Amino acid sequence: NEGIYTVTGIAEDNSYIINDEAYKPRFIPMTQWLISSHDASRNGTNLLTNIIGEKRFSFPKSLYATHDAIRFYIASKPDALVLDFFAGSGTTIHAVNLLNSEDGGNRRCILVTNNEVSDAEGKTLLEKGYKPGDPEWNNLGIARHVTWPRTVCSIEGHDINGQPLKGNYLGSDRPMANGFAANANFFKLGFLDKNSVAYGTQLENLLPVLWMKAGAYGKCPVDNLNDQYMIYPENKFAILVNTKYAYEFKQELPTNIDVAYIITDYEPEYHDIANSINVKTTYHLYRDYLDNFTINTGRI
């Protein structure tokens, strides 16, 4: 095994005789980079400016430093899911796309960020009579003004003005203008009023959550909503809304469905249906999830 040597015998002095021919040393990544490609100014600030124009974000990390940090841990995991809870300029998703382009991986990345503006911008906006939530305020927030534009442009291979990106990615002959074979979705997090929204109409708002939990395959579905059941073959998941249609639901399930959500408050009913369908993973969604939105794992 990697990083392991084999004991082949015991010497006369009771010490172990080992065979370390297959030994592969394991390394711990350093906390500081001493590589020019990892310079935050040249391959962080300058790279970002070339994509989105004027300086909109202070001290973005080098794309290649982030790429190497990620590669160190998931080079052998082509289907890994990378989660960045504190996304800034979008370097993480850029690095994941770059790594996928190098080794043919299918890694996914989720970025989470608020849409805050800088102190200076906030003061200027307040002086003009704008406040958080106004379109003028939101349009200058980091998510809309930096993270999302950088993500779209790097995938499509152009700057915010539609001009092809110049140069190649370091260490390869891959032009930045080629972009990546990837797609991205932008979701706005918000609060749902459980007292003013009736059951059923919430499902549309929760589809992105269910889509991501099912693996985020394909584009997030936005249609085919009804009060019986929905099947999304391209996304590899399905939802049984009304258990009266469990038989029809089972009959129509294609073989490529990996995840099924079953909505019912009656737990034995959930288990009966879950055990009757040929789906790898099922989740129990309570019908009263407006009061207590919970996804319980049933069978994996």
Protein backbone atom coordinates (compact mmCIF):
# COMPACT_ATOMS: atom_id res chain seq x y z
CA ASN A 1 0.00 0.00 0.00
CA GLU A 2 1.06 3.60 -0.58
CA GLY A 3 3.19 4.87 2.28
CA ILE A 4 3.53 1.37 3.78
CA TYR A 5 6.57 -0.91 3.91
CA THR A 6 6.51 -4.70 4.38
CA VAL A 7 8.10 -6.62 7.25
CA THR A 8 9.84 -9.66 5.76
CA GLY A 9 11.51 -11.14 8.83
CA ILE A 10 13.23 -10.65 12.17
CA ALA A 11 17.00 -10.33 12.56
CA GLU A 12 19.11 -12.03 15.24
CA ASP A 13 18.99 -8.88 17.36
CA ASN A 14 15.16 -8.99 17.16
CA SER A 15 15.01 -5.97 14.86
CA TYR A 16 12.62 -6.07 11.92
CA ILE A 17 13.82 -6.76 8.39
CA ILE A 18 11.76 -4.67 6.00
CA ASN A 19 11.22 -4.36 2.28
CA ASP A 20 10.63 -0.72 1.40
CA GLU A 21 10.81 -1.00 -2.40
CA ALA A 22 7.10 -0.15 -2.72
CA TYR A 23 7.26 2.62 -0.15
CA LYS A 24 5.98 5.97 -1.35
CA PRO A 25 6.63 8.85 1.04
CA ARG A 26 3.70 10.99 2.05
CA PHE A 27 4.14 14.73 2.15
CA ILE A 28 2.48 17.43 4.19
CA PRO A 29 1.80 20.65 2.24
CA MET A 30 3.67 23.72 3.42
CA THR A 31 1.96 26.85 4.67
CA GLN A 32 4.00 29.19 2.49
CA TRP A 33 4.67 29.14 -1.25
CA LEU A 34 8.10 29.92 -2.63
CA ILE A 35 7.07 29.67 -6.28
CA SER A 36 6.73 32.64 -8.64
CA SER A 37 3.54 31.23 -10.17
CA HIS A 38 1.92 31.39 -6.73
CA ASP A 39 2.51 35.11 -6.36
CA ALA A 40 -0.79 36.71 -5.37
CA SER A 41 -0.11 39.95 -7.23
CA ARG A 42 0.83 38.53 -10.59
CA ASN A 43 -1.52 35.54 -10.76
CA GLY A 44 -4.16 36.82 -8.39
CA THR A 45 -4.79 40.53 -8.73
CA ASN A 46 -3.52 40.89 -12.30
CA LEU A 47 -5.35 37.82 -13.53
CA LEU A 48 -8.63 38.96 -11.97
CA THR A 49 -8.23 42.47 -13.38
CA ASN A 50 -7.70 41.06 -16.86
CA ILE A 51 -10.99 39.23 -16.57
CA ILE A 52 -13.34 41.75 -14.94
CA GLY A 53 -11.62 45.03 -15.71
CA GLU A 54 -11.01 47.57 -12.98
CA LYS A 55 -9.88 46.45 -9.55
CA ARG A 56 -12.97 45.23 -7.75
CA PHE A 57 -11.47 42.92 -5.12
CA SER A 58 -8.48 43.29 -2.81
CA PHE A 59 -5.84 40.58 -2.51
CA PRO A 60 -7.29 37.65 -4.52
CA LYS A 61 -5.24 34.47 -4.16
CA SER A 62 -3.09 33.18 -6.99
CA LEU A 63 -5.04 30.79 -9.19
CA TYR A 64 -2.09 28.40 -9.20
CA ALA A 65 -1.59 28.41 -5.44
CA THR A 66 -5.25 27.46 -5.00
CA HIS A 67 -4.97 24.92 -7.81
CA ASP A 68 -2.00 23.21 -6.16
CA ALA A 69 -3.61 23.19 -2.71
CA ILE A 70 -6.73 21.55 -4.12
CA ARG A 71 -4.80 19.16 -6.35
CA PHE A 72 -2.76 17.91 -3.42
CA TYR A 73 -5.86 16.48 -1.78
CA ILE A 74 -8.19 15.52 -4.63
CA ALA A 75 -5.93 14.62 -7.55
CA SER A 76 -7.03 11.00 -7.07
CA LYS A 77 -10.69 11.95 -6.59
CA PRO A 78 -12.04 12.95 -10.04
CA ASP A 79 -15.63 13.17 -8.75
CA ALA A 80 -14.90 15.21 -5.61
CA LEU A 81 -17.21 17.98 -4.43
CA VAL A 82 -15.36 21.10 -3.27
CA LEU A 83 -17.19 23.47 -0.92
CA ASP A 84 -15.96 27.02 -0.30
CA PHE A 85 -18.07 28.63 2.42
CA PHE A 86 -16.17 31.92 2.25
CA ALA A 87 -15.82 32.53 -1.46
CA GLY A 88 -14.27 35.81 -2.45
CA SER A 89 -13.30 36.49 -6.04
CA GLY A 90 -14.08 32.96 -7.23
CA THR A 91 -10.54 31.57 -7.34
CA THR A 92 -11.63 28.20 -5.94
CA ILE A 93 -14.08 27.32 -8.70
CA HIS A 94 -11.61 28.63 -11.30
CA ALA A 95 -8.97 26.28 -9.88
CA VAL A 96 -11.34 23.30 -9.83
CA ASN A 97 -12.25 23.89 -13.48
CA LEU A 98 -8.56 24.14 -14.37
CA LEU A 99 -7.79 20.87 -12.59
CA ASN A 100 -10.68 19.13 -14.35
CA SER A 101 -9.41 20.36 -17.71
CA GLU A 102 -5.99 18.88 -16.99
CA ASP A 103 -6.99 15.37 -15.99
CA GLY A 104 -10.53 14.97 -17.35
CA GLY A 105 -12.09 15.01 -13.90
CA ASN A 106 -15.73 15.77 -13.10
CA ARG A 107 -15.21 17.58 -9.82
CA ARG A 108 -17.92 19.98 -8.74
CA CYS A 109 -17.62 23.14 -6.69
CA ILE A 110 -20.06 25.08 -4.54
CA LEU A 111 -19.25 28.67 -3.59
CA VAL A 112 -21.08 30.49 -0.83
CA THR A 113 -20.69 34.24 -0.38
CA ASN A 114 -22.69 37.23 0.68
CA ASN A 115 -23.18 40.25 -1.53
CA GLU A 116 -21.48 42.84 0.66
CA VAL A 117 -19.91 45.99 -0.70
CA SER A 118 -16.72 47.67 0.49
CA ASP A 119 -16.84 50.29 3.25
CA ALA A 120 -16.06 53.07 0.78
CA GLU A 121 -18.76 51.90 -1.64
CA GLY A 122 -21.23 51.52 1.21
CA LYS A 123 -20.67 55.10 2.36
CA THR A 124 -21.03 56.43 -1.17
CA LEU A 125 -24.24 54.49 -1.73
CA LEU A 126 -25.71 55.66 1.57
CA GLU A 127 -24.90 59.26 0.68
CA LYS A 128 -26.84 58.77 -2.54
CA GLY A 129 -29.83 57.46 -0.62
CA TYR A 130 -29.42 53.77 -1.42
CA LYS A 131 -29.58 50.99 1.15
CA PRO A 132 -28.84 47.24 1.26
CA GLY A 133 -31.32 45.40 -0.92
CA ASP A 134 -31.65 48.15 -3.51
CA PRO A 135 -30.60 47.11 -7.05
CA GLU A 136 -27.94 49.82 -7.10
CA TRP A 137 -26.47 48.40 -3.89
CA ASN A 138 -26.71 44.72 -4.88
CA ASN A 139 -25.09 45.31 -8.25
CA LEU A 140 -21.88 46.42 -6.52
CA GLY A 141 -21.86 43.49 -4.08
CA ILE A 142 -19.05 40.95 -4.28
CA ALA A 143 -21.25 38.09 -5.53
CA ARG A 144 -22.73 40.00 -8.48
CA HIS A 145 -19.81 42.33 -9.13
CA VAL A 146 -16.88 39.91 -8.79
CA THR A 147 -17.53 36.22 -8.08
CA TRP A 148 -20.21 35.53 -10.67
CA PRO A 149 -18.69 37.58 -13.54
CA ARG A 150 -15.29 35.95 -13.00
CA THR A 151 -16.87 32.48 -12.96
CA VAL A 152 -18.84 33.01 -16.17
CA CYS A 153 -15.96 34.68 -18.01
CA SER A 154 -13.38 32.04 -17.07
CA ILE A 155 -15.73 29.26 -18.21
CA GLU A 156 -16.59 30.98 -21.49
CA GLY A 157 -13.03 32.24 -22.12
CA HIS A 158 -13.62 36.00 -22.41
CA ASP A 159 -13.50 39.12 -20.27
CA ILE A 160 -16.55 41.11 -19.16
CA ASN A 161 -16.47 43.03 -22.43
CA GLY A 162 -16.69 39.86 -24.49
CA GLN A 163 -13.06 39.95 -25.65
CA PRO A 164 -11.15 36.62 -25.68
CA LEU A 165 -8.85 36.18 -22.70
CA LYS A 166 -5.18 36.51 -23.60
CA GLY A 167 -2.41 34.06 -22.86
CA ASN A 168 -2.19 30.45 -21.74
CA TYR A 169 -2.57 28.88 -18.34
CA LEU A 170 0.85 28.48 -16.73
CA GLY A 171 2.55 25.16 -17.21
CA SER A 172 0.46 24.25 -20.25
CA ASP A 173 -0.34 25.30 -23.80
CA ARG A 174 -4.02 25.65 -22.95
CA PRO A 175 -5.28 29.10 -24.05
CA MET A 176 -7.42 30.90 -21.49
CA ALA A 177 -9.71 31.85 -24.37
CA ASN A 178 -10.70 28.19 -24.72
CA GLY A 179 -12.58 28.37 -21.44
CA PHE A 180 -13.74 25.16 -19.78
CA ALA A 181 -16.22 22.39 -20.49
CA ALA A 182 -18.24 23.37 -17.43
CA ASN A 183 -21.48 25.05 -16.44
CA ALA A 184 -22.49 27.15 -13.47
CA ASN A 185 -25.68 28.21 -11.73
CA PHE A 186 -26.27 31.25 -9.55
CA PHE A 187 -28.67 30.90 -6.61
CA LYS A 188 -29.81 33.58 -4.21
CA LEU A 189 -30.30 32.45 -0.64
CA GLY A 190 -33.32 33.87 1.13
CA PHE A 191 -35.96 33.24 3.77
CA LEU A 192 -39.34 31.66 3.06
CA ASP A 193 -42.32 32.72 5.13
CA LYS A 194 -43.84 29.48 6.37
CA ASN A 195 -47.06 31.20 7.39
CA SER A 196 -47.79 32.94 4.10
CA VAL A 197 -46.77 30.25 1.60
CA ALA A 198 -48.95 27.19 1.21
CA TYR A 199 -47.59 23.69 0.83
CA GLY A 200 -46.88 22.82 -2.78
CA THR A 201 -45.81 26.24 -3.97
CA GLN A 202 -42.64 25.90 -1.91
CA LEU A 203 -41.33 23.01 -3.95
CA GLU A 204 -40.21 25.31 -6.73
CA ASN A 205 -38.08 27.29 -4.26
CA LEU A 206 -36.61 24.12 -2.79
CA LEU A 207 -35.73 22.46 -6.09
CA PRO A 208 -32.18 23.88 -6.12
CA VAL A 209 -31.55 22.40 -2.66
CA LEU A 210 -32.86 18.99 -3.70
CA TRP A 211 -30.92 19.17 -6.97
CA MET A 212 -27.64 19.92 -5.17
CA LYS A 213 -28.22 17.22 -2.55
CA ALA A 214 -28.80 14.74 -5.39
CA GLY A 215 -25.40 15.54 -6.87
CA ALA A 216 -26.04 18.68 -8.96
CA TYR A 217 -26.08 16.78 -12.24
CA GLY A 218 -27.08 18.73 -15.34
CA LYS A 219 -28.89 22.05 -15.16
CA CYS A 220 -31.13 22.67 -12.18
CA PRO A 221 -34.72 21.82 -13.23
CA VAL A 222 -37.22 24.67 -13.25
CA ASP A 223 -40.33 23.09 -14.70
CA ASN A 224 -42.45 19.91 -14.72
CA LEU A 225 -43.85 20.77 -11.29
CA ASN A 226 -47.12 19.10 -10.33
CA ASP A 227 -48.92 17.68 -7.31
CA GLN A 228 -48.24 14.01 -8.15
CA TYR A 229 -44.57 13.31 -8.87
CA MET A 230 -41.64 14.65 -10.86
CA ILE A 231 -38.89 12.66 -12.55
CA TYR A 232 -35.73 14.34 -13.81
CA PRO A 233 -33.61 11.77 -15.71
CA GLU A 234 -30.95 14.31 -16.70
CA ASN A 235 -30.51 15.25 -13.05
CA LYS A 236 -30.69 11.66 -11.75
CA PHE A 237 -33.35 12.38 -9.12
CA ALA A 238 -37.10 12.19 -8.68
CA ILE A 239 -39.71 13.46 -6.22
CA LEU A 240 -42.87 11.68 -5.14
CA VAL A 241 -45.18 14.50 -4.02
CA ASN A 242 -48.37 12.52 -3.44
CA THR A 243 -48.01 8.94 -2.21
CA LYS A 244 -51.35 8.00 -3.84
CA TYR A 245 -49.35 7.87 -7.06
CA ALA A 246 -46.60 5.64 -5.69
CA TYR A 247 -47.39 2.82 -8.14
CA GLU A 248 -47.28 5.10 -11.20
CA PHE A 249 -44.14 6.72 -9.83
CA LYS A 250 -42.45 3.34 -9.51
CA GLN A 251 -43.47 2.27 -13.00
CA GLU A 252 -42.07 5.38 -14.65
CA LEU A 253 -38.75 5.56 -12.81
CA PRO A 254 -35.89 5.12 -15.29
CA THR A 255 -32.86 3.08 -14.31
CA ASN A 256 -30.53 6.09 -14.10
CA ILE A 257 -32.31 7.69 -11.13
CA ASP A 258 -29.88 7.70 -8.18
CA VAL A 259 -31.90 9.69 -5.64
CA ALA A 260 -35.62 9.71 -4.81
CA TYR A 261 -37.36 12.12 -2.44
CA ILE A 262 -40.58 10.85 -0.89
CA ILE A 263 -42.92 13.40 0.70
CA THR A 264 -45.08 12.01 3.50
CA ASP A 265 -45.59 12.52 7.21
CA TYR A 266 -46.19 8.79 7.76
CA GLU A 267 -42.85 7.10 8.35
CA PRO A 268 -43.96 3.48 7.73
CA GLU A 269 -45.39 4.62 4.39
CA TYR A 270 -42.06 6.17 3.50
CA HIS A 271 -40.19 2.95 4.26
CA ASP A 272 -42.67 0.82 2.30
CA ILE A 273 -42.27 2.98 -0.80
CA ALA A 274 -38.49 3.35 -0.40
CA ASN A 275 -38.06 -0.41 -0.20
CA SER A 276 -40.25 -1.01 -3.25
CA ILE A 277 -38.31 1.16 -5.70
CA ASN A 278 -34.96 0.33 -7.24
CA VAL A 279 -33.15 3.55 -6.29
CA LYS A 280 -29.77 3.68 -4.56
CA THR A 281 -30.59 6.53 -2.16
CA THR A 282 -33.93 7.72 -0.84
CA TYR A 283 -34.78 10.66 1.42
CA HIS A 284 -37.81 11.32 3.54
CA LEU A 285 -39.31 14.78 3.13
CA TYR A 286 -41.97 15.56 5.69
CA ARG A 287 -45.12 17.14 4.32
CA ASP A 288 -44.98 19.77 7.04
CA TYR A 289 -41.46 20.83 6.02
CA LEU A 290 -42.61 24.43 5.92
CA ASP A 291 -42.63 24.30 9.70
CA ASN A 292 -39.60 22.06 9.98
CA PHE A 293 -37.67 21.64 6.75
CA THR A 294 -35.73 18.45 7.29
CA ILE A 295 -34.31 15.87 4.94
CA ASN A 296 -33.96 12.57 6.74
CA THR A 297 -31.80 9.86 5.27
CA GLY A 298 -33.72 6.65 4.86
CA ARG A 299 -31.88 4.06 2.84
CA ILE A 300 -28.39 4.43 1.36
